[in-house]
Amino acid sequence: MIRPFDWIIVGLLLIGAFIPYGIFAYHEHQQNVQPQNILTAYVTHDGKQVYKVQLTNHEGKTTYRYNDGDDWNVIEVTDNKIAISEANCPDQVCVRRGQISKAGETIVCLPHKLLVEIKSSTNKPDDGGLVTE
């Protein structure tokens, strides 16, 4: 025989069963409402910004040449990626680094004091959700 209090327990259990669904739906809605993450590449020399280029929705190929006296670097932006394609530094580490395209990635040319860094408009690294400090 089912008592009135049993109906209350069954009702609460049914409501409790759908709480995870509600939380999941709310979380999905919040992710869709957030603005698009816009990636921007900043090129700095000795701490001063020299170039700034938006990588998100960038199409085609753009080439920049940075000269500082006898030092020079060629920076190429291809679609949503950026790289130093040529440099006259002796070690060529910056050229071998290749293309970068995610927030938080950098290319450094130490002999020329040149830094290429990608930053996100949401200030979050683009590494699959892992946050490192």
C-alpha atoms as a PDB file:
ATOM      1  CA  MET A   1       0.000   0.000   0.000  1.00  0.00           C
ATOM      2  CA  ILE A   2       1.355   3.415  -1.017  1.00  0.00           C
ATOM      3  CA  ARG A   3       1.053   6.140   1.568  1.00  0.00           C
ATOM      4  CA  PRO A   4       0.872   9.905   0.804  1.00  0.00           C
ATOM      5  CA  PHE A   5       4.444  10.408   2.048  1.00  0.00           C
ATOM      6  CA  ASP A   6       5.650   7.786  -0.486  1.00  0.00           C
ATOM      7  CA  TRP A   7       4.247   9.918  -3.345  1.00  0.00           C
ATOM      8  CA  ILE A   8       6.271  12.887  -2.093  1.00  0.00           C
ATOM      9  CA  ILE A   9       9.450  10.787  -2.072  1.00  0.00           C
ATOM     10  CA  VAL A  10       8.784   9.471  -5.599  1.00  0.00           C
ATOM     11  CA  GLY A  11       8.132  13.032  -6.826  1.00  0.00           C
ATOM     12  CA  LEU A  12      11.360  14.342  -5.294  1.00  0.00           C
ATOM     13  CA  LEU A  13      13.338  11.467  -6.834  1.00  0.00           C
ATOM     14  CA  LEU A  14      11.884  12.218 -10.293  1.00  0.00           C
ATOM     15  CA  ILE A  15      12.749  15.907  -9.959  1.00  0.00           C
ATOM     16  CA  GLY A  16      16.247  15.025  -8.723  1.00  0.00           C
ATOM     17  CA  ALA A  17      16.782  12.767 -11.722  1.00  0.00           C
ATOM     18  CA  PHE A  18      16.408  15.732 -14.107  1.00  0.00           C
ATOM     19  CA  ILE A  19      18.643  18.182 -12.212  1.00  0.00           C
ATOM     20  CA  PRO A  20      21.855  17.058 -14.047  1.00  0.00           C
ATOM     21  CA  TYR A  21      20.083  17.574 -17.386  1.00  0.00           C
ATOM     22  CA  GLY A  22      19.124  21.110 -16.365  1.00  0.00           C
ATOM     23  CA  ILE A  23      22.664  21.937 -15.264  1.00  0.00           C
ATOM     24  CA  PHE A  24      24.113  20.531 -18.501  1.00  0.00           C
ATOM     25  CA  ALA A  25      21.635  22.496 -20.655  1.00  0.00           C
ATOM     26  CA  TYR A  26      22.434  25.710 -18.771  1.00  0.00           C
ATOM     27  CA  HIS A  27      26.180  25.158 -19.195  1.00  0.00           C
ATOM     28  CA  GLU A  28      25.798  24.551 -22.951  1.00  0.00           C
ATOM     29  CA  HIS A  29      23.702  27.706 -23.285  1.00  0.00           C
ATOM     30  CA  GLN A  30      26.355  29.779 -21.472  1.00  0.00           C
ATOM     31  CA  GLN A  31      29.075  28.524 -23.837  1.00  0.00           C
ATOM     32  CA  ASN A  32      27.023  29.479 -26.887  1.00  0.00           C
ATOM     33  CA  VAL A  33      26.308  32.967 -25.541  1.00  0.00           C
ATOM     34  CA  GLN A  34      29.979  33.849 -24.949  1.00  0.00           C
ATOM     35  CA  PRO A  35      31.590  36.047 -27.616  1.00  0.00           C
ATOM     36  CA  GLN A  36      33.880  34.516 -30.199  1.00  0.00           C
ATOM     37  CA  ASN A  37      37.466  34.092 -29.120  1.00  0.00           C
ATOM     38  CA  ILE A  38      39.556  36.441 -31.294  1.00  0.00           C
ATOM     39  CA  LEU A  39      43.257  35.649 -31.605  1.00  0.00           C
ATOM     40  CA  THR A  40      45.701  38.496 -32.186  1.00  0.00           C
ATOM     41  CA  ALA A  41      49.441  38.268 -32.812  1.00  0.00           C
ATOM     42  CA  TYR A  42      51.668  40.906 -31.259  1.00  0.00           C
ATOM     43  CA  VAL A  43      55.204  41.455 -32.510  1.00  0.00           C
ATOM     44  CA  THR A  44      57.412  43.315 -30.056  1.00  0.00           C
ATOM     45  CA  HIS A  45      61.030  44.406 -30.230  1.00  0.00           C
ATOM     46  CA  ASP A  46      62.847  45.006 -26.960  1.00  0.00           C
ATOM     47  CA  GLY A  47      59.485  45.281 -25.163  1.00  0.00           C
ATOM     48  CA  LYS A  48      57.917  47.776 -27.604  1.00  0.00           C
ATOM     49  CA  GLN A  49      55.064  46.729 -29.910  1.00  0.00           C
ATOM     50  CA  VAL A  50      56.018  46.888 -33.578  1.00  0.00           C
ATOM     51  CA  TYR A  51      53.149  45.045 -35.321  1.00  0.00           C
ATOM     52  CA  LYS A  52      49.726  43.795 -34.363  1.00  0.00           C
ATOM     53  CA  VAL A  53      47.694  41.514 -36.615  1.00  0.00           C
ATOM     54  CA  GLN A  54      44.396  39.737 -36.048  1.00  0.00           C
ATOM     55  CA  LEU A  55      44.728  36.042 -36.839  1.00  0.00           C
ATOM     56  CA  THR A  56      41.066  35.086 -36.459  1.00  0.00           C
ATOM     57  CA  ASN A  57      39.380  35.195 -39.880  1.00  0.00           C
ATOM     58  CA  HIS A  58      42.643  36.272 -41.563  1.00  0.00           C
ATOM     59  CA  GLU A  59      42.721  35.029 -45.131  1.00  0.00           C
ATOM     60  CA  GLY A  60      45.575  34.815 -47.558  1.00  0.00           C
ATOM     61  CA  LYS A  61      49.216  35.565 -46.956  1.00  0.00           C
ATOM     62  CA  THR A  62      50.703  38.773 -45.573  1.00  0.00           C
ATOM     63  CA  THR A  63      54.419  39.412 -45.179  1.00  0.00           C
ATOM     64  CA  TYR A  64      56.070  41.924 -42.845  1.00  0.00           C
ATOM     65  CA  ARG A  65      59.768  42.739 -42.786  1.00  0.00           C
ATOM     66  CA  TYR A  66      61.196  44.114 -39.578  1.00  0.00           C
ATOM     67  CA  ASN A  67      64.550  45.926 -39.776  1.00  0.00           C
ATOM     68  CA  ASP A  68      66.594  47.185 -36.854  1.00  0.00           C
ATOM     69  CA  GLY A  69      69.943  48.357 -38.151  1.00  0.00           C
ATOM     70  CA  ASP A  70      71.689  45.325 -39.615  1.00  0.00           C
ATOM     71  CA  ASP A  71      69.181  42.898 -38.017  1.00  0.00           C
ATOM     72  CA  TRP A  72      66.097  41.821 -39.976  1.00  0.00           C
ATOM     73  CA  ASN A  73      63.283  39.302 -39.693  1.00  0.00           C
ATOM     74  CA  VAL A  74      60.577  38.362 -42.205  1.00  0.00           C
ATOM     75  CA  ILE A  75      57.248  37.599 -40.538  1.00  0.00           C
ATOM     76  CA  GLU A  76      54.573  35.779 -42.521  1.00  0.00           C
ATOM     77  CA  VAL A  77      50.891  35.545 -41.642  1.00  0.00           C
ATOM     78  CA  THR A  78      49.209  32.743 -43.569  1.00  0.00           C
ATOM     79  CA  ASP A  79      45.494  32.308 -42.907  1.00  0.00           C
ATOM     80  CA  ASN A  80      45.243  31.926 -39.094  1.00  0.00           C
ATOM     81  CA  LYS A  81      48.936  31.203 -38.463  1.00  0.00           C
ATOM     82  CA  ILE A  82      52.055  33.330 -38.015  1.00  0.00           C
ATOM     83  CA  ALA A  83      55.745  32.473 -38.385  1.00  0.00           C
ATOM     84  CA  ILE A  84      59.154  34.028 -38.798  1.00  0.00           C
ATOM     85  CA  SER A  85      60.153  32.691 -42.209  1.00  0.00           C
ATOM     86  CA  GLU A  86      63.556  34.359 -42.584  1.00  0.00           C
ATOM     87  CA  ALA A  87      66.066  36.055 -40.308  1.00  0.00           C
ATOM     88  CA  ASN A  88      69.738  36.941 -40.398  1.00  0.00           C
ATOM     89  CA  CYS A  89      70.411  35.781 -36.829  1.00  0.00           C
ATOM     90  CA  PRO A  90      73.132  33.137 -36.469  1.00  0.00           C
ATOM     91  CA  ASP A  91      71.141  30.397 -34.688  1.00  0.00           C
ATOM     92  CA  GLN A  92      67.875  30.468 -36.741  1.00  0.00           C
ATOM     93  CA  VAL A  93      65.852  29.133 -33.766  1.00  0.00           C
ATOM     94  CA  CYS A  94      63.011  31.542 -34.555  1.00  0.00           C
ATOM     95  CA  VAL A  95      62.781  30.272 -38.150  1.00  0.00           C
ATOM     96  CA  ARG A  96      62.875  26.612 -37.103  1.00  0.00           C
ATOM     97  CA  ARG A  97      60.027  27.220 -34.617  1.00  0.00           C
ATOM     98  CA  GLY A  98      57.594  27.202 -37.540  1.00  0.00           C
ATOM     99  CA  GLN A  99      54.020  28.444 -37.543  1.00  0.00           C
ATOM    100  CA  ILE A 100      52.026  29.133 -34.394  1.00  0.00           C
ATOM    101  CA  SER A 101      48.261  29.545 -34.163  1.00  0.00           C
ATOM    102  CA  LYS A 102      47.082  29.101 -30.553  1.00  0.00           C
ATOM    103  CA  ALA A 103      46.772  31.582 -27.713  1.00  0.00           C
ATOM    104  CA  GLY A 104      49.821  31.594 -25.480  1.00  0.00           C
ATOM    105  CA  GLU A 105      52.249  30.346 -28.136  1.00  0.00           C
ATOM    106  CA  THR A 106      55.360  32.428 -28.825  1.00  0.00           C
ATOM    107  CA  ILE A 107      58.277  32.724 -31.204  1.00  0.00           C
ATOM    108  CA  VAL A 108      61.410  34.357 -29.837  1.00  0.00           C
ATOM    109  CA  CYS A 109      64.430  35.672 -31.709  1.00  0.00           C
ATOM    110  CA  LEU A 110      66.861  36.331 -28.849  1.00  0.00           C
ATOM    111  CA  PRO A 111      69.718  37.839 -30.876  1.00  0.00           C
ATOM    112  CA  HIS A 112      67.323  40.447 -32.336  1.00  0.00           C
ATOM    113  CA  LYS A 113      65.216  40.828 -29.151  1.00  0.00           C
ATOM    114  CA  LEU A 114      62.074  40.097 -31.189  1.00  0.00           C
ATOM    115  CA  LEU A 115      58.999  38.369 -29.752  1.00  0.00           C
ATOM    116  CA  VAL A 116      55.916  37.097 -31.588  1.00  0.00           C
ATOM    117  CA  GLU A 117      53.104  36.262 -29.190  1.00  0.00           C
ATOM    118  CA  ILE A 118      49.493  35.205 -29.723  1.00  0.00           C
ATOM    119  CA  LYS A 119      46.911  36.514 -27.284  1.00  0.00           C
ATOM    120  CA  SER A 120      43.220  35.730 -26.951  1.00  0.00           C
ATOM    121  CA  SER A 121      40.392  38.227 -26.527  1.00  0.00           C
ATOM    122  CA  THR A 122      39.034  36.099 -23.679  1.00  0.00           C
ATOM    123  CA  ASN A 123      42.461  35.992 -21.966  1.00  0.00           C
ATOM    124  CA  LYS A 124      42.338  32.208 -21.814  1.00  0.00           C
ATOM    125  CA  PRO A 125      44.989  29.910 -23.261  1.00  0.00           C
ATOM    126  CA  ASP A 126      43.895  27.801 -26.203  1.00  0.00           C
ATOM    127  CA  ASP A 127      45.292  24.496 -24.961  1.00  0.00           C
ATOM    128  CA  GLY A 128      42.251  22.316 -24.670  1.00  0.00           C
ATOM    129  CA  GLY A 129      41.112  23.627 -21.307  1.00  0.00           C
ATOM    130  CA  LEU A 130      44.337  23.099 -19.351  1.00  0.00           C
ATOM    131  CA  VAL A 131      45.453  26.194 -17.519  1.00  0.00           C
ATOM    132  CA  THR A 132      49.075  26.351 -16.467  1.00  0.00           C
ATOM    133  CA  GLU A 133      50.657  28.976 -14.288  1.00  0.00           C
END
